[in-house]
Protein backbone atom coordinates (compact mmCIF):
# COMPACT_ATOMS: atom_id res chain seq x y z
CA MET A 1 0.00 0.00 0.00
CA ASP A 2 1.34 3.41 -0.94
CA ASN A 3 1.93 5.61 2.10
CA THR A 4 2.18 9.20 1.00
CA ASN A 5 2.28 10.91 4.38
CA ALA A 6 4.90 13.59 4.96
CA ALA A 7 7.04 11.38 7.21
CA GLN A 8 7.76 8.87 4.46
CA PRO A 9 10.95 10.46 2.98
CA LEU A 10 12.54 10.58 6.45
CA CYS A 11 11.52 6.98 7.16
CA VAL A 12 12.95 5.74 3.88
CA ALA A 13 16.16 7.67 4.44
CA THR A 14 16.48 6.25 7.94
CA LEU A 15 15.89 2.71 6.70
CA LYS A 16 18.56 3.14 4.02
CA ALA A 17 20.98 4.53 6.61
CA GLN A 18 20.42 1.52 8.90
CA ALA A 19 20.81 -0.83 5.94
CA SER A 20 24.10 0.81 4.95
CA ALA A 21 25.39 0.46 8.51
CA ASN A 22 24.84 -3.31 8.30
CA VAL A 23 26.94 -3.63 5.14
CA ARG A 24 30.68 -3.79 5.82
CA THR A 25 32.06 -3.53 2.29
CA ALA A 26 35.76 -3.62 3.18
CA GLU A 27 35.33 -6.73 5.34
CA ARG A 28 32.78 -8.23 2.92
CA VAL A 29 30.37 -8.85 5.78
CA LEU A 30 26.60 -8.44 5.87
CA ARG A 31 25.48 -8.00 9.47
CA ASP A 32 22.19 -8.64 11.28
CA ALA A 33 20.30 -10.34 8.44
CA VAL A 34 17.14 -12.25 9.40
CA LEU A 35 17.39 -15.97 8.61
CA ILE A 36 13.93 -16.95 9.86
CA GLU A 37 11.14 -15.34 11.88
CA MET A 38 8.16 -16.56 13.83
CA GLY A 39 4.75 -16.82 12.21
CA THR A 40 3.04 -18.43 9.25
CA LEU A 41 4.59 -18.66 5.79
CA LEU A 42 3.86 -16.22 3.00
CA ASP A 43 0.19 -16.08 2.01
CA ARG A 44 0.91 -17.47 -1.45
CA ASP A 45 2.87 -20.43 -0.04
CA PRO A 46 0.49 -23.42 0.08
CA ARG A 47 2.43 -25.39 2.69
CA PRO A 48 0.51 -25.52 6.02
CA TRP A 49 3.57 -24.74 8.13
CA PHE A 50 4.52 -22.13 10.69
CA VAL A 51 7.60 -21.09 12.66
CA ASP A 52 7.47 -21.06 16.46
CA ARG A 53 10.04 -20.59 19.22
CA ALA A 54 11.06 -24.24 19.05
CA THR A 55 11.86 -23.79 15.35
CA LEU A 56 14.07 -20.80 16.15
CA LYS A 57 15.91 -22.79 18.82
CA GLN A 58 16.56 -25.61 16.36
CA VAL A 59 17.93 -23.18 13.76
CA LEU A 60 20.21 -21.64 16.39
CA LYS A 61 21.47 -25.03 17.55
CA LEU A 62 21.95 -26.63 14.13
CA GLY A 63 23.30 -23.55 12.42
CA GLY A 64 25.51 -22.50 15.29
CA SER A 65 27.11 -25.92 15.73
CA GLN A 66 28.78 -25.97 12.32
CA PRO A 67 32.51 -25.37 12.84
CA TYR A 68 33.06 -23.20 9.75
CA GLY A 69 29.70 -21.51 9.90
CA LEU A 70 26.44 -22.25 8.10
CA LYS A 71 26.74 -22.30 4.31
CA ALA A 72 25.15 -19.54 2.22
CA ARG A 73 24.37 -19.78 -1.48
CA PHE A 74 22.89 -17.60 -4.21
CA ALA A 75 19.35 -19.05 -4.36
CA HIS A 76 18.44 -22.65 -3.57
CA PRO A 77 20.03 -25.21 -5.90
CA ASP A 78 18.02 -26.92 -8.61
CA ASP A 79 17.41 -30.42 -7.23
CA ARG A 80 16.32 -31.94 -10.53
CA PRO A 81 18.50 -34.84 -11.73
CA GLY A 82 21.40 -33.62 -13.87
CA ALA A 83 20.97 -29.96 -12.93
CA ASP A 84 24.12 -27.90 -12.33
CA LYS A 85 24.43 -27.22 -8.61
CA THR A 86 27.83 -25.50 -8.68
CA GLY A 87 28.82 -21.85 -8.71
CA ARG A 88 26.31 -20.65 -6.12
CA TYR A 89 28.48 -20.51 -3.01
CA LEU A 90 28.52 -17.10 -1.29
CA GLY A 91 30.10 -17.63 2.11
CA ARG A 92 29.27 -18.61 5.70
CA TRP A 93 26.82 -17.41 8.32
CA ARG A 94 28.40 -16.76 11.70
CA ARG A 95 27.32 -15.43 15.09
CA LEU A 96 23.75 -16.74 14.81
CA ARG A 97 21.65 -15.30 17.61
CA LEU A 98 18.12 -14.52 18.68
CA HIS A 99 16.93 -11.04 17.77
CA PRO A 100 16.25 -8.84 20.85
CA ASN A 101 12.51 -9.05 20.14
CA GLY A 102 12.73 -12.86 20.50
CA HIS A 103 10.85 -13.47 17.25
CA ALA A 104 13.67 -14.09 14.76
CA VAL A 105 17.12 -15.59 14.27
CA VAL A 106 19.69 -13.18 12.84
CA GLY A 107 23.27 -13.69 11.73
CA ASP A 108 26.26 -12.17 9.94
CA LEU A 109 27.12 -13.36 6.44
CA HIS A 110 30.86 -13.44 5.75
CA LEU A 111 31.23 -13.45 1.98
CA ALA A 112 33.92 -15.65 0.44
CA GLU A 113 36.51 -14.37 -2.03
CA VAL A 114 35.09 -16.62 -4.73
CA ALA A 115 31.80 -14.69 -4.56
CA PHE A 116 33.69 -11.71 -6.05
CA ALA A 117 35.55 -13.68 -8.73
CA SER A 118 33.93 -11.98 -11.75
CA ALA A 119 33.36 -8.39 -12.79
CA CYS A 120 29.59 -8.82 -12.29
CA SER A 121 30.00 -10.80 -9.09
CA ARG A 122 27.16 -12.11 -6.99
CA GLY A 123 28.96 -10.93 -3.88
CA GLN A 124 29.03 -7.31 -5.02
CA TRP A 125 25.43 -7.54 -6.22
CA LEU A 126 24.39 -8.75 -2.77
CA LEU A 127 26.24 -5.96 -0.97
CA ASP A 128 24.66 -3.38 -3.28
CA MET A 129 21.17 -4.81 -2.80
CA ALA A 130 21.61 -5.06 0.97
CA ARG A 131 22.50 -1.38 1.02
CA SER A 132 19.99 -0.01 -1.47
CA SER A 133 16.99 -2.38 -1.55
CA PRO A 134 17.03 -4.73 1.48
CA GLU A 135 13.26 -5.11 1.34
CA SER A 136 13.54 -6.80 -2.09
CA ILE A 137 15.61 -9.83 -1.03
CA GLY A 138 15.82 -12.16 1.96
CA VAL A 139 17.16 -15.37 3.44
CA SER A 140 15.60 -18.82 3.15
CA ILE A 141 16.83 -21.79 5.16
CA TYR A 142 17.44 -25.12 3.37
CA PRO A 143 16.46 -27.69 6.01
CA ASP A 144 16.29 -31.43 6.47
CA LEU A 145 12.74 -31.59 7.81
CA ASP A 146 11.53 -33.89 10.58
CA LEU A 147 8.14 -34.60 9.02
CA ASN A 148 7.12 -37.13 11.68
CA ALA A 149 7.60 -34.59 14.44
CA MET A 150 5.68 -32.01 12.42
CA GLN A 151 2.75 -34.38 11.96
CA ASN A 152 2.75 -35.19 15.68
CA GLU A 153 2.46 -31.49 16.54
CA ARG A 154 -0.23 -30.63 14.00
CA ARG A 155 -2.67 -28.02 15.34
CA LEU A 156 -6.44 -28.24 15.20
CA ASP A 157 -6.43 -25.85 12.23
CA GLY A 158 -4.20 -28.29 10.31
CA LYS A 159 -1.05 -26.18 10.45
CA MET A 160 2.22 -27.80 11.53
CA PRO A 161 5.30 -26.27 13.20
CA ILE A 162 8.53 -26.59 11.24
CA ARG A 163 10.81 -29.16 12.88
CA LEU A 164 14.34 -29.91 11.72
CA ARG A 165 16.62 -32.92 11.68
CA GLY A 166 19.39 -30.94 10.04
CA LEU A 167 20.19 -27.61 8.44
CA VAL A 168 22.11 -27.56 5.15
CA ALA A 169 22.29 -23.86 4.35
CA ALA A 170 20.61 -20.46 4.54
CA ASP A 171 20.40 -19.04 1.02
CA ILE A 172 19.82 -15.60 -0.46
CA VAL A 173 16.54 -15.54 -2.41
CA ASP A 174 14.13 -12.93 -3.73
CA ASP A 175 10.98 -14.20 -2.00
CA PRO A 176 11.64 -16.16 1.22
CA ALA A 177 8.71 -18.01 2.78
CA ALA A 178 9.73 -17.74 6.45
CA SER A 179 11.45 -14.36 6.63
CA ARG A 180 8.63 -12.31 5.25
CA HIS A 181 9.82 -8.74 5.69
CA GLY A 182 13.03 -8.47 3.69
CA LEU A 183 16.66 -8.93 4.55
CA TYR A 184 16.54 -7.17 7.91
CA GLY A 185 13.05 -8.23 8.92
CA ASP A 186 10.02 -6.52 10.34
CA SER A 187 11.94 -5.10 13.31
CA VAL A 188 13.95 -2.69 11.15
CA ALA A 189 10.90 -1.60 9.21
CA LEU A 190 9.02 -1.01 12.45
CA SER A 191 11.84 1.00 13.97
CA VAL A 192 11.58 3.58 11.18
CA ALA A 193 7.94 3.34 10.14
CA SER A 194 5.54 6.17 10.84
CA LYS A 195 3.68 4.64 13.79
CA ILE A 196 -0.06 5.08 14.32
CA ASP A 197 -1.30 5.01 17.93
CA LEU A 198 -4.71 3.32 18.03
CA ASN A 199 -5.23 4.58 21.59
CA THR A 200 -5.67 8.15 20.36
CA GLU A 201 -8.47 9.72 18.35
CA ALA A 202 -5.94 11.05 15.83
CA GLY A 203 -4.51 7.55 15.46
CA LYS A 204 -7.94 6.03 14.94
CA LEU A 205 -8.65 8.64 12.26
CA GLU A 206 -5.38 7.78 10.48
CA ALA A 207 -6.16 4.08 10.73
CA ARG A 208 -9.65 4.65 9.29
CA GLN A 209 -8.14 6.51 6.34
CA LEU A 210 -5.65 3.69 5.85
CA LEU A 211 -8.03 0.71 6.26
CA GLY A 212 -11.56 1.97 5.78
CA ASP A 213 -14.39 1.70 8.29
CA GLU A 214 -15.14 -2.01 7.86
CA HIS A 215 -11.55 -3.21 8.11
CA LEU A 216 -10.98 -0.98 11.13
CA ARG A 217 -14.04 -2.54 12.81
CA GLN A 218 -12.74 -6.04 11.97
CA LEU A 219 -9.33 -5.09 13.37
CA GLY A 220 -10.85 -4.08 16.69
CA MET A 221 -12.80 -7.34 16.85
CA ALA A 222 -9.69 -9.42 16.07
CA ILE A 223 -7.70 -7.71 18.84
CA GLU A 224 -10.47 -8.32 21.35
CA GLU A 225 -10.78 -11.97 20.28
CA TYR A 226 -7.06 -12.48 20.78
CA ARG A 227 -7.16 -10.89 24.23
CA SER A 228 -10.12 -13.07 25.22
CA HIS A 229 -8.26 -16.27 24.29
CA ARG A 230 -4.70 -15.11 24.97
CA ARG A 231 -3.78 -17.75 27.55
CA MET A 232 -4.81 -20.60 25.28
CA LEU A 233 -3.12 -19.01 22.25
CA ASP A 234 0.08 -18.35 24.21
CA ARG A 235 0.28 -22.06 25.00
CA GLN A 236 0.08 -22.71 21.26
CA GLU A 237 2.77 -20.02 20.76
CA ILE A 238 0.48 -17.90 18.58
CA ASN A 239 1.34 -14.24 19.13
CA GLY A 240 -0.98 -11.27 18.80
CA ILE A 241 0.28 -10.03 15.45
CA ASP A 242 0.01 -13.46 13.81
CA TYR A 243 -3.53 -13.97 15.17
CA VAL A 244 -4.73 -10.53 14.13
CA GLU A 245 -3.06 -10.75 10.72
CA SER A 246 -4.71 -14.12 10.05
CA ALA A 247 -8.10 -12.74 11.06
CA MET A 248 -7.63 -9.71 8.80
CA ARG A 249 -6.68 -11.92 5.86
CA ASP A 250 -9.98 -13.74 6.37
CA ALA A 251 -11.63 -10.31 6.28
CA GLY A 252 -9.97 -9.50 2.94
CA LEU A 253 -6.90 -7.49 4.05
CA ASN A 254 -3.78 -9.24 2.75
CA ARG A 255 -1.24 -7.57 5.06
CA LEU A 256 -1.34 -5.30 8.09
CA PRO A 257 0.28 -1.92 7.39
CA ASP A 258 3.61 -1.54 9.20
CA GLU A 259 2.41 1.71 10.79
CA LEU A 260 -0.22 -0.19 12.81
CA ARG A 261 1.85 -3.13 14.05
CA PRO A 262 3.45 -1.55 17.18
CA SER A 263 0.08 -0.36 18.47
CA ILE A 264 -1.59 -3.70 17.70
CA ARG A 265 1.14 -5.52 19.66
CA LEU A 266 0.53 -3.30 22.69
CA LEU A 267 -3.25 -3.54 22.53
CA ALA A 268 -3.17 -7.33 22.10
CA GLN A 269 -1.06 -7.73 25.24
CA ALA A 270 -2.99 -5.21 27.36
CA ASP A 271 -4.91 -6.58 30.36
């Protein structure tokens, strides 16, 4: 959705400044990229899977235990018989850690010299994209899934938490399923987005202009429903944003605007 309010140029400039700070060109290091974040997969992904805290812990354990770091490649390899799987290596992920918000695993990508071997190198392309358009690319893990464990933990709605037996790589792709908000994740976007406070009349007016009357009414209902069932949903590790976003998709709104997310988080957790 196009946001044409006056704060947008400052927000975009701030986002680009933070993105540039994460790119260490001389060291060929990309810092603080999001490998995977909690929540359901992209709307257009048909797989009935979601990421919870246990998934994040497995990624941290499996990725962090590799002595040379977790492998990174340029896109996932083509697994068809006879396909060329070479020439995609980018480097290694190191210092995997939980994001301060607790909802994502982040890491630092140390690019290998071979990624810069040609004049139009993939390594340089990645550094340029990470600096100029981090929202247009992301990271996708390449796991060895534990499908039996996933089936055993299937929820009543049919969705299954991602469970891993192993972790092969975390690759750079253009449309990752489980890190849905670009290379640096939702947390960076939220830190610079123009926030709308739904507790104020001015904020409600802005939200009405952004969503329309019906979607704003549905949003209020979804927040109240989450608060009413929060204890049960917490046990299922379903957070407020995921619950509200799912309810709004059912109401015809494909994605919550970033400006509303901080206020929705606060309202969903309020007693």
